[in-house]
Amino acid sequence: MNLANKISIIRIVLIPFFIWAIVYYSTERDYLRFVALGFFGLAVLSDAVDGYLARVLKQRTTLGTFLDPIADKLLLITAFICLSVLDNLPASLRLPPWVPIIVVSRDVIIILGAVVIFLMAGVVEISPSWLGKATTFFQMATIISVLLKYPHSNYIWNLAVVFTVLSGIDYVIRGTRLLNENHKRK
């Protein structure tokens, strides 16, 4: 258990605090969106720090290759769902339901694809693409812009959706290639 992995675990631990702030938000307690933003921002910052430490200190581990993306997925899926389904949120803090549906669907497809590849090939090498990194950036930017009530958040979440779809297609293509290469070797 190295420092980068501990930071990923801290990111996971921050998720319930983010949920708490959103669930108890009301217009009378508007400060709670800033509390939620603080927890989310801290989690985003920890994502950058643990990735940096893993590279610079050469602390990449098998656990870290699974823990880091799981922490990202849990954080983002939780945030997208909370900001679309909770009734206590005003329209200015809500995402349209189709946005989290696309985000969650892509992640489910990626996870199912990884399981299929593992079952068929015995190994899954997780390597994020630049599209995947751009997707994560725009998804995180979406949550931040909504919590800040940025008046043009819709442009950011539309960019997040476009990158989400493109990266989902990219991961399906890459997974199919891996399966084909594995099939040819057998």
N, C-alpha and C. Protein backbone atom coordinates (compact mmCIF):
# COMPACT_ATOMS: atom_id res chain seq x y z
N MET A 1 0.86 -1.18 0.00
CA MET A 1 0.00 0.00 0.00
C MET A 1 0.89 1.23 0.00
N ASN A 2 1.03 1.85 -1.16
CA ASN A 2 1.89 3.03 -1.26
C ASN A 2 1.06 4.31 -1.11
N LEU A 3 1.76 5.45 -1.16
CA LEU A 3 1.11 6.75 -0.95
C LEU A 3 0.04 7.03 -2.01
N ALA A 4 0.33 6.72 -3.28
CA ALA A 4 -0.64 6.97 -4.35
C ALA A 4 -1.92 6.18 -4.10
N ASN A 5 -1.81 4.93 -3.67
CA ASN A 5 -2.99 4.11 -3.39
C ASN A 5 -3.78 4.65 -2.19
N LYS A 6 -3.06 5.12 -1.19
CA LYS A 6 -3.74 5.71 -0.02
C LYS A 6 -4.53 6.94 -0.42
N ILE A 7 -3.97 7.74 -1.33
CA ILE A 7 -4.68 8.93 -1.80
C ILE A 7 -5.93 8.53 -2.58
N SER A 8 -5.86 7.46 -3.38
CA SER A 8 -7.05 6.96 -4.09
C SER A 8 -8.13 6.52 -3.10
N ILE A 9 -7.72 5.90 -2.01
CA ILE A 9 -8.68 5.48 -0.98
C ILE A 9 -9.32 6.69 -0.32
N ILE A 10 -8.52 7.73 -0.08
CA ILE A 10 -9.08 8.97 0.49
C ILE A 10 -10.14 9.54 -0.45
N ARG A 11 -9.89 9.47 -1.77
CA ARG A 11 -10.87 9.96 -2.75
C ARG A 11 -12.19 9.20 -2.60
N ILE A 12 -12.11 7.91 -2.40
CA ILE A 12 -13.32 7.10 -2.21
C ILE A 12 -14.02 7.49 -0.91
N VAL A 13 -13.24 7.75 0.13
CA VAL A 13 -13.82 8.13 1.43
C VAL A 13 -14.51 9.49 1.36
N LEU A 14 -14.08 10.37 0.46
CA LEU A 14 -14.70 11.70 0.32
C LEU A 14 -16.10 11.62 -0.29
N ILE A 15 -16.40 10.56 -1.01
CA ILE A 15 -17.68 10.45 -1.72
C ILE A 15 -18.89 10.57 -0.79
N PRO A 16 -18.95 9.84 0.34
CA PRO A 16 -20.12 10.00 1.22
C PRO A 16 -20.30 11.43 1.74
N PHE A 17 -19.19 12.14 1.95
CA PHE A 17 -19.29 13.52 2.41
C PHE A 17 -19.87 14.42 1.32
N PHE A 18 -19.49 14.18 0.08
CA PHE A 18 -20.08 14.89 -1.06
C PHE A 18 -21.58 14.61 -1.11
N ILE A 19 -21.95 13.33 -1.00
CA ILE A 19 -23.38 12.95 -1.03
C ILE A 19 -24.12 13.65 0.10
N TRP A 20 -23.56 13.64 1.30
CA TRP A 20 -24.21 14.29 2.44
C TRP A 20 -24.51 15.76 2.13
N ALA A 21 -23.53 16.47 1.59
CA ALA A 21 -23.72 17.91 1.32
C ALA A 21 -24.81 18.13 0.28
N ILE A 22 -24.88 17.28 -0.73
CA ILE A 22 -25.90 17.43 -1.78
C ILE A 22 -27.28 17.04 -1.25
N VAL A 23 -27.35 15.96 -0.51
CA VAL A 23 -28.64 15.47 0.01
C VAL A 23 -29.26 16.50 0.95
N TYR A 24 -28.45 17.15 1.76
CA TYR A 24 -28.98 18.11 2.73
C TYR A 24 -29.00 19.55 2.22
N TYR A 25 -28.67 19.72 0.95
CA TYR A 25 -28.71 21.05 0.35
C TYR A 25 -30.15 21.55 0.30
N SER A 26 -30.30 22.84 0.51
CA SER A 26 -31.56 23.54 0.25
C SER A 26 -31.19 24.99 -0.07
N THR A 27 -32.14 25.73 -0.62
CA THR A 27 -31.84 27.13 -0.95
C THR A 27 -31.52 27.92 0.32
N GLU A 28 -32.09 27.49 1.46
CA GLU A 28 -31.78 28.15 2.73
C GLU A 28 -30.37 27.81 3.20
N ARG A 29 -29.85 26.66 2.77
CA ARG A 29 -28.50 26.22 3.14
C ARG A 29 -27.64 26.16 1.87
N ASP A 30 -27.60 27.26 1.15
CA ASP A 30 -26.88 27.31 -0.12
C ASP A 30 -25.39 27.04 0.07
N TYR A 31 -24.87 27.30 1.26
CA TYR A 31 -23.45 27.04 1.53
C TYR A 31 -23.09 25.57 1.31
N LEU A 32 -24.08 24.67 1.41
CA LEU A 32 -23.79 23.25 1.25
C LEU A 32 -23.33 22.89 -0.17
N ARG A 33 -23.72 23.68 -1.16
CA ARG A 33 -23.20 23.38 -2.51
C ARG A 33 -21.71 23.69 -2.58
N PHE A 34 -21.27 24.68 -1.80
CA PHE A 34 -19.84 24.97 -1.74
C PHE A 34 -19.09 23.92 -0.93
N VAL A 35 -19.76 23.38 0.08
CA VAL A 35 -19.19 22.26 0.84
C VAL A 35 -19.03 21.06 -0.10
N ALA A 36 -20.10 20.77 -0.87
CA ALA A 36 -20.03 19.67 -1.85
C ALA A 36 -18.93 19.94 -2.87
N LEU A 37 -18.84 21.18 -3.33
CA LEU A 37 -17.80 21.56 -4.28
C LEU A 37 -16.41 21.37 -3.66
N GLY A 38 -16.28 21.70 -2.40
CA GLY A 38 -15.00 21.50 -1.71
C GLY A 38 -14.60 20.03 -1.66
N PHE A 39 -15.56 19.17 -1.28
CA PHE A 39 -15.26 17.73 -1.24
C PHE A 39 -14.93 17.21 -2.64
N PHE A 40 -15.72 17.65 -3.63
CA PHE A 40 -15.49 17.21 -5.00
C PHE A 40 -14.14 17.73 -5.50
N GLY A 41 -13.85 19.01 -5.23
CA GLY A 41 -12.58 19.60 -5.65
C GLY A 41 -11.39 18.91 -5.01
N LEU A 42 -11.53 18.57 -3.75
CA LEU A 42 -10.46 17.84 -3.05
C LEU A 42 -10.25 16.47 -3.69
N ALA A 43 -11.34 15.81 -4.05
CA ALA A 43 -11.24 14.50 -4.71
C ALA A 43 -10.58 14.64 -6.09
N VAL A 44 -10.95 15.67 -6.84
CA VAL A 44 -10.34 15.91 -8.15
C VAL A 44 -8.85 16.19 -8.00
N LEU A 45 -8.51 17.01 -7.03
CA LEU A 45 -7.10 17.32 -6.78
C LEU A 45 -6.34 16.05 -6.38
N SER A 46 -6.96 15.22 -5.54
CA SER A 46 -6.29 13.98 -5.13
C SER A 46 -6.08 13.05 -6.31
N ASP A 47 -6.96 13.10 -7.30
CA ASP A 47 -6.79 12.29 -8.51
C ASP A 47 -5.52 12.71 -9.24
N ALA A 48 -5.32 14.01 -9.36
CA ALA A 48 -4.12 14.51 -10.03
C ALA A 48 -2.87 14.17 -9.22
N VAL A 49 -2.95 14.32 -7.90
CA VAL A 49 -1.78 14.08 -7.05
C VAL A 49 -1.40 12.60 -7.06
N ASP A 50 -2.38 11.70 -6.93
CA ASP A 50 -2.00 10.29 -6.88
C ASP A 50 -1.42 9.82 -8.21
N GLY A 51 -1.95 10.33 -9.33
CA GLY A 51 -1.38 9.99 -10.63
C GLY A 51 0.05 10.51 -10.78
N TYR A 52 0.26 11.73 -10.32
CA TYR A 52 1.59 12.33 -10.38
C TYR A 52 2.58 11.53 -9.53
N LEU A 53 2.18 11.23 -8.30
CA LEU A 53 3.06 10.48 -7.40
C LEU A 53 3.38 9.09 -7.94
N ALA A 54 2.39 8.43 -8.49
CA ALA A 54 2.61 7.09 -9.04
C ALA A 54 3.64 7.13 -10.17
N ARG A 55 3.58 8.17 -11.00
CA ARG A 55 4.54 8.30 -12.11
C ARG A 55 5.92 8.73 -11.63
N VAL A 56 5.96 9.81 -10.86
CA VAL A 56 7.24 10.39 -10.46
C VAL A 56 7.99 9.49 -9.48
N LEU A 57 7.28 8.95 -8.51
CA LEU A 57 7.94 8.09 -7.51
C LEU A 57 8.00 6.63 -7.95
N LYS A 58 7.53 6.40 -9.18
CA LYS A 58 7.50 5.04 -9.73
C LYS A 58 6.80 4.08 -8.77
N GLN A 59 5.61 4.53 -8.32
CA GLN A 59 4.82 3.75 -7.37
C GLN A 59 3.60 3.12 -8.04
N ARG A 60 3.73 2.79 -9.31
CA ARG A 60 2.61 2.13 -9.98
C ARG A 60 2.50 0.70 -9.47
N THR A 61 1.28 0.34 -9.08
CA THR A 61 1.04 -1.01 -8.57
C THR A 61 -0.17 -1.60 -9.27
N THR A 62 -0.30 -2.91 -9.18
CA THR A 62 -1.48 -3.58 -9.74
C THR A 62 -2.73 -3.05 -9.04
N LEU A 63 -2.66 -2.90 -7.72
CA LEU A 63 -3.80 -2.36 -6.98
C LEU A 63 -4.15 -0.97 -7.49
N GLY A 64 -3.14 -0.14 -7.70
CA GLY A 64 -3.37 1.23 -8.16
C GLY A 64 -4.02 1.29 -9.54
N THR A 65 -3.67 0.35 -10.42
CA THR A 65 -4.26 0.36 -11.77
C THR A 65 -5.75 0.07 -11.72
N PHE A 66 -6.21 -0.58 -10.66
CA PHE A 66 -7.65 -0.82 -10.51
C PHE A 66 -8.29 0.21 -9.59
N LEU A 67 -7.59 0.57 -8.52
CA LEU A 67 -8.14 1.46 -7.50
C LEU A 67 -8.38 2.87 -8.05
N ASP A 68 -7.44 3.41 -8.80
CA ASP A 68 -7.57 4.78 -9.31
C ASP A 68 -8.79 4.93 -10.23
N PRO A 69 -8.96 4.09 -11.25
CA PRO A 69 -10.16 4.26 -12.09
C PRO A 69 -11.46 3.96 -11.34
N ILE A 70 -11.41 3.03 -10.38
CA ILE A 70 -12.62 2.75 -9.59
C ILE A 70 -13.00 3.98 -8.77
N ALA A 71 -12.01 4.62 -8.16
CA ALA A 71 -12.27 5.84 -7.39
C ALA A 71 -12.86 6.92 -8.28
N ASP A 72 -12.29 7.08 -9.49
CA ASP A 72 -12.82 8.07 -10.44
C ASP A 72 -14.26 7.75 -10.80
N LYS A 73 -14.53 6.50 -11.15
CA LYS A 73 -15.88 6.10 -11.58
C LYS A 73 -16.88 6.32 -10.44
N LEU A 74 -16.53 5.88 -9.24
CA LEU A 74 -17.44 6.05 -8.11
C LEU A 74 -17.75 7.53 -7.86
N LEU A 75 -16.71 8.35 -7.88
CA LEU A 75 -16.89 9.78 -7.65
C LEU A 75 -17.79 10.40 -8.71
N LEU A 76 -17.46 10.16 -9.96
CA LEU A 76 -18.21 10.79 -11.05
C LEU A 76 -19.62 10.26 -11.18
N ILE A 77 -19.80 8.95 -11.10
CA ILE A 77 -21.15 8.39 -11.21
C ILE A 77 -22.02 8.89 -10.07
N THR A 78 -21.46 8.91 -8.87
CA THR A 78 -22.21 9.41 -7.71
C THR A 78 -22.62 10.87 -7.92
N ALA A 79 -21.69 11.68 -8.36
CA ALA A 79 -21.98 13.11 -8.56
C ALA A 79 -23.03 13.30 -9.65
N PHE A 80 -22.88 12.61 -10.78
CA PHE A 80 -23.85 12.76 -11.86
C PHE A 80 -25.24 12.32 -11.43
N ILE A 81 -25.32 11.21 -10.73
CA ILE A 81 -26.64 10.72 -10.30
C ILE A 81 -27.25 11.67 -9.27
N CYS A 82 -26.45 12.08 -8.27
CA CYS A 82 -26.98 13.00 -7.25
C CYS A 82 -27.51 14.29 -7.87
N LEU A 83 -26.77 14.83 -8.85
CA LEU A 83 -27.17 16.11 -9.43
C LEU A 83 -28.28 15.97 -10.47
N SER A 84 -28.79 14.77 -10.64
CA SER A 84 -29.90 14.62 -11.58
C SER A 84 -31.17 14.08 -10.93
N VAL A 85 -31.05 13.34 -9.84
CA VAL A 85 -32.24 12.68 -9.30
C VAL A 85 -32.77 13.26 -7.99
N LEU A 86 -31.96 14.04 -7.29
CA LEU A 86 -32.42 14.53 -5.99
C LEU A 86 -33.43 15.66 -6.14
N ASP A 87 -34.57 15.49 -5.48
CA ASP A 87 -35.67 16.45 -5.59
C ASP A 87 -35.40 17.76 -4.86
N ASN A 88 -34.47 17.77 -3.93
CA ASN A 88 -34.22 18.98 -3.15
C ASN A 88 -33.42 20.03 -3.93
N LEU A 89 -32.93 19.67 -5.11
CA LEU A 89 -32.09 20.59 -5.87
C LEU A 89 -32.92 21.47 -6.80
N PRO A 90 -32.61 22.76 -6.84
CA PRO A 90 -33.30 23.64 -7.79
C PRO A 90 -32.82 23.33 -9.22
N ALA A 91 -33.53 23.83 -10.20
CA ALA A 91 -33.19 23.58 -11.61
C ALA A 91 -31.76 24.01 -11.93
N SER A 92 -31.28 25.05 -11.29
CA SER A 92 -29.93 25.55 -11.57
C SER A 92 -28.83 24.59 -11.11
N LEU A 93 -29.18 23.61 -10.28
CA LEU A 93 -28.20 22.63 -9.80
C LEU A 93 -28.49 21.23 -10.31
N ARG A 94 -29.35 21.12 -11.31
CA ARG A 94 -29.74 19.80 -11.79
C ARG A 94 -29.22 19.54 -13.19
N LEU A 95 -28.84 18.31 -13.38
CA LEU A 95 -28.46 17.85 -14.72
C LEU A 95 -29.68 17.16 -15.34
N PRO A 96 -29.85 17.29 -16.64
CA PRO A 96 -30.93 16.54 -17.28
C PRO A 96 -30.65 15.03 -17.14
N PRO A 97 -31.67 14.23 -16.96
CA PRO A 97 -31.47 12.79 -16.72
C PRO A 97 -30.66 12.07 -17.80
N TRP A 98 -30.74 12.52 -19.05
CA TRP A 98 -30.03 11.83 -20.11
C TRP A 98 -28.51 11.95 -19.97
N VAL A 99 -28.02 12.97 -19.28
CA VAL A 99 -26.57 13.14 -19.11
C VAL A 99 -25.99 12.01 -18.25
N PRO A 100 -26.50 11.79 -17.03
CA PRO A 100 -25.95 10.67 -16.25
C PRO A 100 -26.24 9.31 -16.88
N ILE A 101 -27.33 9.19 -17.62
CA ILE A 101 -27.62 7.91 -18.27
C ILE A 101 -26.49 7.58 -19.25
N ILE A 102 -26.04 8.57 -20.02
CA ILE A 102 -24.95 8.35 -20.98
C ILE A 102 -23.64 8.07 -20.24
N VAL A 103 -23.36 8.83 -19.20
CA VAL A 103 -22.13 8.65 -18.43
C VAL A 103 -22.09 7.25 -17.80
N VAL A 104 -23.16 6.87 -17.14
CA VAL A 104 -23.20 5.57 -16.47
C VAL A 104 -23.18 4.44 -17.50
N SER A 105 -23.90 4.59 -18.60
CA SER A 105 -23.94 3.55 -19.62
C SER A 105 -22.56 3.28 -20.18
N ARG A 106 -21.81 4.31 -20.46
CA ARG A 106 -20.44 4.13 -20.97
C ARG A 106 -19.60 3.34 -19.97
N ASP A 107 -19.69 3.71 -18.69
CA ASP A 107 -18.89 3.02 -17.68
C ASP A 107 -19.31 1.56 -17.53
N VAL A 108 -20.60 1.30 -17.60
CA VAL A 108 -21.08 -0.09 -17.53
C VAL A 108 -20.55 -0.88 -18.73
N ILE A 109 -20.60 -0.29 -19.91
CA ILE A 109 -20.09 -0.97 -21.11
C ILE A 109 -18.59 -1.25 -20.97
N ILE A 110 -17.84 -0.30 -20.47
CA ILE A 110 -16.40 -0.50 -20.28
C ILE A 110 -16.13 -1.62 -19.27
N ILE A 111 -16.86 -1.61 -18.17
CA ILE A 111 -16.66 -2.65 -17.14
C ILE A 111 -17.04 -4.01 -17.68
N LEU A 112 -18.19 -4.11 -18.35
CA LEU A 112 -18.59 -5.40 -18.93
C LEU A 112 -17.58 -5.86 -19.98
N GLY A 113 -17.09 -4.93 -20.78
CA GLY A 113 -16.07 -5.27 -21.77
C GLY A 113 -14.80 -5.80 -21.12
N ALA A 114 -14.38 -5.17 -20.04
CA ALA A 114 -13.19 -5.62 -19.32
C ALA A 114 -13.40 -7.03 -18.76
N VAL A 115 -14.60 -7.30 -18.26
CA VAL A 115 -14.90 -8.64 -17.74
C VAL A 115 -14.85 -9.67 -18.87
N VAL A 116 -15.44 -9.34 -20.01
CA VAL A 116 -15.44 -10.25 -21.16
C VAL A 116 -14.00 -10.51 -21.61
N ILE A 117 -13.21 -9.46 -21.72
CA ILE A 117 -11.81 -9.62 -22.14
C ILE A 117 -11.05 -10.49 -21.13
N PHE A 118 -11.28 -10.25 -19.85
CA PHE A 118 -10.61 -11.06 -18.83
C PHE A 118 -11.02 -12.52 -18.94
N LEU A 119 -12.32 -12.77 -19.12
CA LEU A 119 -12.79 -14.16 -19.22
C LEU A 119 -12.26 -14.86 -20.46
N MET A 120 -12.11 -14.13 -21.54
CA MET A 120 -11.67 -14.73 -22.79
C MET A 120 -10.14 -14.75 -22.94
N ALA A 121 -9.46 -13.72 -22.44
CA ALA A 121 -8.02 -13.61 -22.63
C ALA A 121 -7.23 -13.90 -21.36
N GLY A 122 -7.88 -13.80 -20.21
CA GLY A 122 -7.21 -14.06 -18.95
C GLY A 122 -6.48 -12.86 -18.37
N VAL A 123 -6.37 -11.81 -19.15
CA VAL A 123 -5.65 -10.61 -18.71
C VAL A 123 -6.37 -9.38 -19.25
N VAL A 124 -6.42 -8.35 -18.43
CA VAL A 124 -6.95 -7.07 -18.89
C VAL A 124 -5.91 -6.01 -18.56
N GLU A 125 -5.39 -5.39 -19.60
CA GLU A 125 -4.45 -4.30 -19.40
C GLU A 125 -5.21 -3.00 -19.56
N ILE A 126 -5.31 -2.27 -18.45
CA ILE A 126 -6.06 -1.02 -18.46
C ILE A 126 -5.09 0.11 -18.81
N SER A 127 -5.31 0.71 -19.95
CA SER A 127 -4.49 1.87 -20.32
C SER A 127 -5.42 2.96 -20.84
N PRO A 128 -5.53 4.03 -20.09
CA PRO A 128 -6.44 5.10 -20.50
C PRO A 128 -5.96 5.77 -21.78
N SER A 129 -6.90 6.11 -22.62
CA SER A 129 -6.57 6.82 -23.87
C SER A 129 -6.69 8.32 -23.63
N TRP A 130 -6.23 9.11 -24.57
CA TRP A 130 -6.37 10.56 -24.43
C TRP A 130 -7.85 10.93 -24.44
N LEU A 131 -8.68 10.17 -25.19
CA LEU A 131 -10.12 10.44 -25.18
C LEU A 131 -10.70 10.17 -23.79
N GLY A 132 -10.24 9.11 -23.16
CA GLY A 132 -10.71 8.79 -21.81
C GLY A 132 -10.33 9.87 -20.82
N LYS A 133 -9.11 10.38 -20.96
CA LYS A 133 -8.65 11.46 -20.06
C LYS A 133 -9.44 12.75 -20.31
N ALA A 134 -9.70 13.05 -21.58
CA ALA A 134 -10.50 14.24 -21.91
C ALA A 134 -11.92 14.08 -21.38
N THR A 135 -12.44 12.87 -21.47
CA THR A 135 -13.79 12.59 -20.94
C THR A 135 -13.83 12.86 -19.44
N THR A 136 -12.85 12.32 -18.72
CA THR A 136 -12.80 12.54 -17.28
C THR A 136 -12.71 14.02 -16.96
N PHE A 137 -11.87 14.75 -17.70
CA PHE A 137 -11.73 16.19 -17.48
C PHE A 137 -13.08 16.90 -17.66
N PHE A 138 -13.77 16.64 -18.77
CA PHE A 138 -15.04 17.34 -19.02
C PHE A 138 -16.15 16.88 -18.07
N GLN A 139 -16.10 15.63 -17.65
CA GLN A 139 -17.09 15.19 -16.66
C GLN A 139 -16.86 15.89 -15.33
N MET A 140 -15.60 16.00 -14.92
CA MET A 140 -15.30 16.71 -13.68
C MET A 140 -15.66 18.20 -13.81
N ALA A 141 -15.36 18.77 -14.97
CA ALA A 141 -15.69 20.19 -15.21
C ALA A 141 -17.20 20.40 -15.17
N THR A 142 -17.96 19.42 -15.63
CA THR A 142 -19.42 19.51 -15.59
C THR A 142 -19.91 19.64 -14.16
N ILE A 143 -19.44 18.76 -13.30
CA ILE A 143 -19.89 18.79 -11.89
C ILE A 143 -19.50 20.12 -11.25
N ILE A 144 -18.28 20.55 -11.48
CA ILE A 144 -17.82 21.82 -10.90
C ILE A 144 -18.66 22.98 -11.41
N SER A 145 -18.92 23.02 -12.72
CA SER A 145 -19.69 24.15 -13.29
C SER A 145 -21.13 24.17 -12.78
N VAL A 146 -21.71 22.99 -12.60
CA VAL A 146 -23.09 22.93 -12.08
C VAL A 146 -23.12 23.40 -10.63
N LEU A 147 -22.16 22.94 -9.83
CA LEU A 147 -22.13 23.36 -8.42
C LEU A 147 -21.85 24.86 -8.28
N LEU A 148 -21.13 25.42 -9.24
CA LEU A 148 -20.88 26.87 -9.22
C LEU A 148 -22.03 27.66 -9.84
N LYS A 149 -23.03 26.96 -10.35
CA LYS A 149 -24.16 27.56 -11.06
C LYS A 149 -23.68 28.41 -12.23
N TYR A 150 -22.66 27.91 -12.92
CA TYR A 150 -22.14 28.59 -14.10
C TYR A 150 -23.26 28.65 -15.14
N PRO A 151 -23.59 29.83 -15.67
CA PRO A 151 -24.76 29.95 -16.55
C PRO A 151 -24.64 29.17 -17.86
N HIS A 152 -23.44 28.79 -18.24
CA HIS A 152 -23.26 28.04 -19.49
C HIS A 152 -22.83 26.60 -19.25
N SER A 153 -23.25 26.05 -18.11
CA SER A 153 -22.91 24.67 -17.77
C SER A 153 -23.37 23.69 -18.85
N ASN A 154 -24.46 24.04 -19.52
CA ASN A 154 -24.97 23.11 -20.55
C ASN A 154 -23.94 22.88 -21.65
N TYR A 155 -23.14 23.88 -21.98
CA TYR A 155 -22.10 23.69 -22.99
C TYR A 155 -21.05 22.69 -22.50
N ILE A 156 -20.72 22.80 -21.23
CA ILE A 156 -19.71 21.90 -20.66
C ILE A 156 -20.25 20.49 -20.58
N TRP A 157 -21.51 20.31 -20.12
CA TRP A 157 -22.01 18.94 -20.04
C TRP A 157 -22.25 18.35 -21.43
N ASN A 158 -22.56 19.19 -22.41
CA ASN A 158 -22.68 18.65 -23.77
C ASN A 158 -21.32 18.19 -24.30
N LEU A 159 -20.26 18.95 -24.00
CA LEU A 159 -18.90 18.50 -24.36
C LEU A 159 -18.57 17.19 -23.63
N ALA A 160 -18.94 17.11 -22.37
CA ALA A 160 -18.69 15.88 -21.60
C ALA A 160 -19.41 14.70 -22.25
N VAL A 161 -20.64 14.91 -22.69
CA VAL A 161 -21.40 13.84 -23.33
C VAL A 161 -20.74 13.42 -24.64
N VAL A 162 -20.32 14.39 -25.45
CA VAL A 162 -19.66 14.07 -26.73
C VAL A 162 -18.40 13.24 -26.47
N PHE A 163 -17.55 13.69 -25.53
CA PHE A 163 -16.34 12.94 -25.22
C PHE A 163 -16.65 11.59 -24.59
N THR A 164 -17.71 11.52 -23.79
CA THR A 164 -18.11 10.25 -23.19
C THR A 164 -18.47 9.24 -24.27
N VAL A 165 -19.26 9.67 -25.23
CA VAL A 165 -19.67 8.78 -26.33
C VAL A 165 -18.46 8.38 -27.16
N LEU A 166 -17.63 9.35 -27.54
CA LEU A 166 -16.45 9.06 -28.37
C LEU A 166 -15.48 8.10 -27.66
N SER A 167 -15.25 8.36 -26.38
CA SER A 167 -14.32 7.48 -25.66
C SER A 167 -14.93 6.09 -25.45
N GLY A 168 -16.25 6.04 -25.27
CA GLY A 168 -16.91 4.73 -25.17
C GLY A 168 -16.72 3.93 -26.44
N ILE A 169 -16.91 4.58 -27.58
CA ILE A 169 -16.70 3.92 -28.88
C ILE A 169 -15.24 3.48 -29.01
N ASP A 170 -14.32 4.37 -28.62
CA ASP A 170 -12.89 4.06 -28.69
C ASP A 170 -12.55 2.83 -27.84
N TYR A 171 -13.07 2.76 -26.61
CA TYR A 171 -12.79 1.61 -25.75
C TYR A 171 -13.39 0.33 -26.33
N VAL A 172 -14.56 0.40 -26.94
CA VAL A 172 -15.16 -0.79 -27.57
C VAL A 172 -14.27 -1.26 -28.72
N ILE A 173 -13.80 -0.33 -29.54
CA ILE A 173 -12.92 -0.68 -30.67
C ILE A 173 -11.62 -1.30 -30.15
N ARG A 174 -11.03 -0.68 -29.14
CA ARG A 174 -9.78 -1.20 -28.58
C ARG A 174 -9.98 -2.57 -27.94
N GLY A 175 -11.09 -2.76 -27.26
CA GLY A 175 -11.40 -4.06 -26.65
C GLY A 175 -11.61 -5.13 -27.70
N THR A 176 -12.29 -4.78 -28.79
CA THR A 176 -12.52 -5.72 -29.88
C THR A 176 -11.19 -6.13 -30.51
N ARG A 177 -10.31 -5.17 -30.71
CA ARG A 177 -8.97 -5.49 -31.25
C ARG A 177 -8.22 -6.43 -30.34
N LEU A 178 -8.27 -6.18 -29.03
CA LEU A 178 -7.60 -7.07 -28.08
C LEU A 178 -8.13 -8.49 -28.17
N LEU A 179 -9.45 -8.61 -28.25
CA LEU A 179 -10.05 -9.94 -28.36
C LEU A 179 -9.66 -10.61 -29.67
N ASN A 180 -9.64 -9.86 -30.76
CA ASN A 180 -9.24 -10.43 -32.05
C ASN A 180 -7.78 -10.88 -32.03
N GLU A 181 -6.89 -10.06 -31.45
CA GLU A 181 -5.49 -10.42 -31.36
C GLU A 181 -5.32 -11.67 -30.50
N ASN A 182 -6.05 -11.76 -29.41
CA ASN A 182 -5.98 -12.92 -28.54
C ASN A 182 -6.49 -14.16 -29.26
N HIS A 183 -7.55 -14.00 -30.03
CA HIS A 183 -8.13 -15.13 -30.78
C HIS A 183 -7.15 -15.62 -31.85
N LYS A 184 -6.44 -14.70 -32.50
CA LYS A 184 -5.48 -15.09 -33.54
C LYS A 184 -4.28 -15.83 -32.95
N ARG A 185 -3.89 -15.49 -31.71
CA ARG A 185 -2.77 -16.16 -31.06
C ARG A 185 -3.09 -17.58 -30.68
N LYS A 186 -4.36 -17.90 -30.50
CA LYS A 186 -4.76 -19.24 -30.04
C LYS A 186 -4.86 -20.21 -31.15
